[in-house]
Amino acid sequence: MLLIIRNKVDEGVREIVSADLGGYTRVVVDVRRKILAAGGELRIHGKKLLMEDGSKQSDLWGGSIDFKTGDINFDSVINVRPKDGNRSREVLDKKIRKQMESIITNLLGRD
């Protein structure tokens, strides 16, 4: 299930957003609004959901969290945006990566 997360969630919501991929959750983070879309099978759906909610594409970055290990990654096709200075699937800007990690951890937890 795909949800917009605006506030810290509990274990029940984490289970819901990770159900599609068995504990592994795809996320799209809006680094300006400090919210994210979590769950579902494709990040493009999370990106679309956030843009319909008022996010701007330039503020959206894709990644994932594995709730079993706590690992966060910053890899997604939606991150390939040469006009925004990112020519890779991986988020290259360390500042954006830190912002993403902080938002993911604050909203979804990491244990």
C-alpha atoms as a PDB file:
ATOM      1  CA  MET A   1       0.000   0.000   0.000  1.00  0.00           C
ATOM      2  CA  LEU A   2       1.243   3.472  -0.901  1.00  0.00           C
ATOM      3  CA  LEU A   3       0.803   6.267   1.646  1.00  0.00           C
ATOM      4  CA  ILE A   4       1.910   9.860   2.110  1.00  0.00           C
ATOM      5  CA  ILE A   5       3.657  10.092   5.457  1.00  0.00           C
ATOM      6  CA  ARG A   6       3.611  13.506   7.158  1.00  0.00           C
ATOM      7  CA  ASN A   7       4.199  12.512  10.789  1.00  0.00           C
ATOM      8  CA  LYS A   8       6.131   9.804  12.593  1.00  0.00           C
ATOM      9  CA  VAL A   9       4.414   6.446  12.127  1.00  0.00           C
ATOM     10  CA  ASP A  10       4.055   3.431  14.398  1.00  0.00           C
ATOM     11  CA  GLU A  11       4.972  -0.198  13.715  1.00  0.00           C
ATOM     12  CA  GLY A  12       1.509  -0.889  12.258  1.00  0.00           C
ATOM     13  CA  VAL A  13       1.916   1.681   9.492  1.00  0.00           C
ATOM     14  CA  ARG A  14       5.463   0.462   8.807  1.00  0.00           C
ATOM     15  CA  GLU A  15       4.081  -3.034   8.285  1.00  0.00           C
ATOM     16  CA  ILE A  16       1.442  -1.688   5.882  1.00  0.00           C
ATOM     17  CA  VAL A  17       3.915   0.230   3.687  1.00  0.00           C
ATOM     18  CA  SER A  18       6.423  -2.630   3.671  1.00  0.00           C
ATOM     19  CA  ALA A  19       3.873  -5.386   2.925  1.00  0.00           C
ATOM     20  CA  ASP A  20       4.319  -5.203  -0.861  1.00  0.00           C
ATOM     21  CA  LEU A  21       8.028  -6.051  -0.688  1.00  0.00           C
ATOM     22  CA  GLY A  22       8.393  -7.991   2.572  1.00  0.00           C
ATOM     23  CA  GLY A  23      10.015  -5.473   4.915  1.00  0.00           C
ATOM     24  CA  TYR A  24      11.739  -3.482   2.192  1.00  0.00           C
ATOM     25  CA  THR A  25      10.029  -0.185   1.430  1.00  0.00           C
ATOM     26  CA  ARG A  26      10.462   2.132  -1.513  1.00  0.00           C
ATOM     27  CA  VAL A  27      10.203   5.814  -0.683  1.00  0.00           C
ATOM     28  CA  VAL A  28       9.996   9.136  -2.482  1.00  0.00           C
ATOM     29  CA  VAL A  29      11.099  11.997  -0.266  1.00  0.00           C
ATOM     30  CA  ASP A  30      10.095  15.640  -0.660  1.00  0.00           C
ATOM     31  CA  VAL A  31      13.132  17.347   0.860  1.00  0.00           C
ATOM     32  CA  ARG A  32      11.461  20.768   0.903  1.00  0.00           C
ATOM     33  CA  ARG A  33       8.177  19.750   2.546  1.00  0.00           C
ATOM     34  CA  LYS A  34       9.851  17.082   4.735  1.00  0.00           C
ATOM     35  CA  ILE A  35       7.283  14.421   3.871  1.00  0.00           C
ATOM     36  CA  LEU A  36       7.481  11.198   1.905  1.00  0.00           C
ATOM     37  CA  ALA A  37       5.494   8.611   0.022  1.00  0.00           C
ATOM     38  CA  ALA A  38       6.182   5.069   1.206  1.00  0.00           C
ATOM     39  CA  GLY A  39       5.158   1.673  -0.097  1.00  0.00           C
ATOM     40  CA  GLY A  40       3.936   0.351  -3.392  1.00  0.00           C
ATOM     41  CA  GLU A  41       5.950  -1.386  -6.060  1.00  0.00           C
ATOM     42  CA  LEU A  42       7.183   1.588  -8.109  1.00  0.00           C
ATOM     43  CA  ARG A  43       8.581   4.922  -6.955  1.00  0.00           C
ATOM     44  CA  ILE A  44       6.965   6.634  -9.933  1.00  0.00           C
ATOM     45  CA  HIS A  45       3.610   6.080  -8.221  1.00  0.00           C
ATOM     46  CA  GLY A  46       4.900   7.730  -5.039  1.00  0.00           C
ATOM     47  CA  LYS A  47       6.261  10.611  -7.095  1.00  0.00           C
ATOM     48  CA  LYS A  48       2.884  11.052  -8.815  1.00  0.00           C
ATOM     49  CA  LEU A  49       1.021  10.926  -5.493  1.00  0.00           C
ATOM     50  CA  LEU A  50       3.268  13.608  -3.965  1.00  0.00           C
ATOM     51  CA  MET A  51       3.031  15.850  -7.029  1.00  0.00           C
ATOM     52  CA  GLU A  52      -0.774  15.610  -6.882  1.00  0.00           C
ATOM     53  CA  ASP A  53      -0.415  16.687  -3.231  1.00  0.00           C
ATOM     54  CA  GLY A  54       1.562  19.811  -4.181  1.00  0.00           C
ATOM     55  CA  SER A  55       5.189  18.675  -4.323  1.00  0.00           C
ATOM     56  CA  LYS A  56       7.538  19.897  -7.048  1.00  0.00           C
ATOM     57  CA  GLN A  57       9.533  17.374  -9.061  1.00  0.00           C
ATOM     58  CA  SER A  58      12.833  19.113  -8.267  1.00  0.00           C
ATOM     59  CA  ASP A  59      12.241  18.423  -4.538  1.00  0.00           C
ATOM     60  CA  LEU A  60      11.501  14.698  -4.965  1.00  0.00           C
ATOM     61  CA  TRP A  61      14.162  12.020  -4.573  1.00  0.00           C
ATOM     62  CA  GLY A  62      13.815   8.251  -4.513  1.00  0.00           C
ATOM     63  CA  GLY A  63      15.312   5.670  -2.217  1.00  0.00           C
ATOM     64  CA  SER A  64      14.459   2.729  -0.002  1.00  0.00           C
ATOM     65  CA  ILE A  65      14.653   1.484   3.555  1.00  0.00           C
ATOM     66  CA  ASP A  66      14.996  -2.105   4.685  1.00  0.00           C
ATOM     67  CA  PHE A  67      13.240  -2.330   8.045  1.00  0.00           C
ATOM     68  CA  LYS A  68      14.952  -5.658   8.815  1.00  0.00           C
ATOM     69  CA  THR A  69      18.467  -4.188   8.618  1.00  0.00           C
ATOM     70  CA  GLY A  70      17.824  -0.447   8.941  1.00  0.00           C
ATOM     71  CA  ASP A  71      19.732   0.173   5.699  1.00  0.00           C
ATOM     72  CA  ILE A  72      18.736   3.185   3.636  1.00  0.00           C
ATOM     73  CA  ASN A  73      19.712   3.525  -0.014  1.00  0.00           C
ATOM     74  CA  PHE A  74      19.446   6.429  -2.404  1.00  0.00           C
ATOM     75  CA  ASP A  75      19.016   4.607  -5.719  1.00  0.00           C
ATOM     76  CA  SER A  76      16.076   5.112  -8.078  1.00  0.00           C
ATOM     77  CA  VAL A  77      15.386   5.802 -11.730  1.00  0.00           C
ATOM     78  CA  ILE A  78      13.485   8.951 -10.700  1.00  0.00           C
ATOM     79  CA  ASN A  79      16.819  10.404  -9.502  1.00  0.00           C
ATOM     80  CA  VAL A  80      18.250  10.575 -13.052  1.00  0.00           C
ATOM     81  CA  ARG A  81      17.820  14.285 -13.702  1.00  0.00           C
ATOM     82  CA  PRO A  82      20.733  15.891 -15.542  1.00  0.00           C
ATOM     83  CA  LYS A  83      19.059  19.328 -15.502  1.00  0.00           C
ATOM     84  CA  ASP A  84      19.071  19.143 -11.687  1.00  0.00           C
ATOM     85  CA  GLY A  85      22.726  18.069 -11.656  1.00  0.00           C
ATOM     86  CA  ASN A  86      22.099  14.366 -10.985  1.00  0.00           C
ATOM     87  CA  ARG A  87      23.169  12.131 -13.875  1.00  0.00           C
ATOM     88  CA  SER A  88      22.897   8.915 -11.902  1.00  0.00           C
ATOM     89  CA  ARG A  89      20.238   6.672 -10.372  1.00  0.00           C
ATOM     90  CA  GLU A  90      22.082   7.309  -7.109  1.00  0.00           C
ATOM     91  CA  VAL A  91      21.531  10.655  -5.353  1.00  0.00           C
ATOM     92  CA  LEU A  92      24.972  12.235  -5.733  1.00  0.00           C
ATOM     93  CA  ASP A  93      24.535  15.382  -3.625  1.00  0.00           C
ATOM     94  CA  LYS A  94      25.604  14.609  -0.045  1.00  0.00           C
ATOM     95  CA  LYS A  95      23.389  17.382   1.350  1.00  0.00           C
ATOM     96  CA  ILE A  96      20.290  15.897  -0.298  1.00  0.00           C
ATOM     97  CA  ARG A  97      21.267  12.410   0.923  1.00  0.00           C
ATOM     98  CA  LYS A  98      21.527  13.710   4.501  1.00  0.00           C
ATOM     99  CA  GLN A  99      18.159  15.441   4.186  1.00  0.00           C
ATOM    100  CA  MET A 100      16.581  12.248   2.840  1.00  0.00           C
ATOM    101  CA  GLU A 101      18.093  10.106   5.581  1.00  0.00           C
ATOM    102  CA  SER A 102      16.886  12.500   8.263  1.00  0.00           C
ATOM    103  CA  ILE A 103      13.327  12.640   6.880  1.00  0.00           C
ATOM    104  CA  ILE A 104      13.125   8.863   6.406  1.00  0.00           C
ATOM    105  CA  THR A 105      14.429   8.201   9.911  1.00  0.00           C
ATOM    106  CA  ASN A 106      12.230  10.839  11.540  1.00  0.00           C
ATOM    107  CA  LEU A 107       9.034   9.670   9.848  1.00  0.00           C
ATOM    108  CA  LEU A 108       9.512   5.919   9.470  1.00  0.00           C
ATOM    109  CA  GLY A 109      12.085   5.052  12.118  1.00  0.00           C
ATOM    110  CA  ARG A 110      14.970   2.732  11.455  1.00  0.00           C
ATOM    111  CA  ASP A 111      14.923  -0.225  13.834  1.00  0.00           C
END
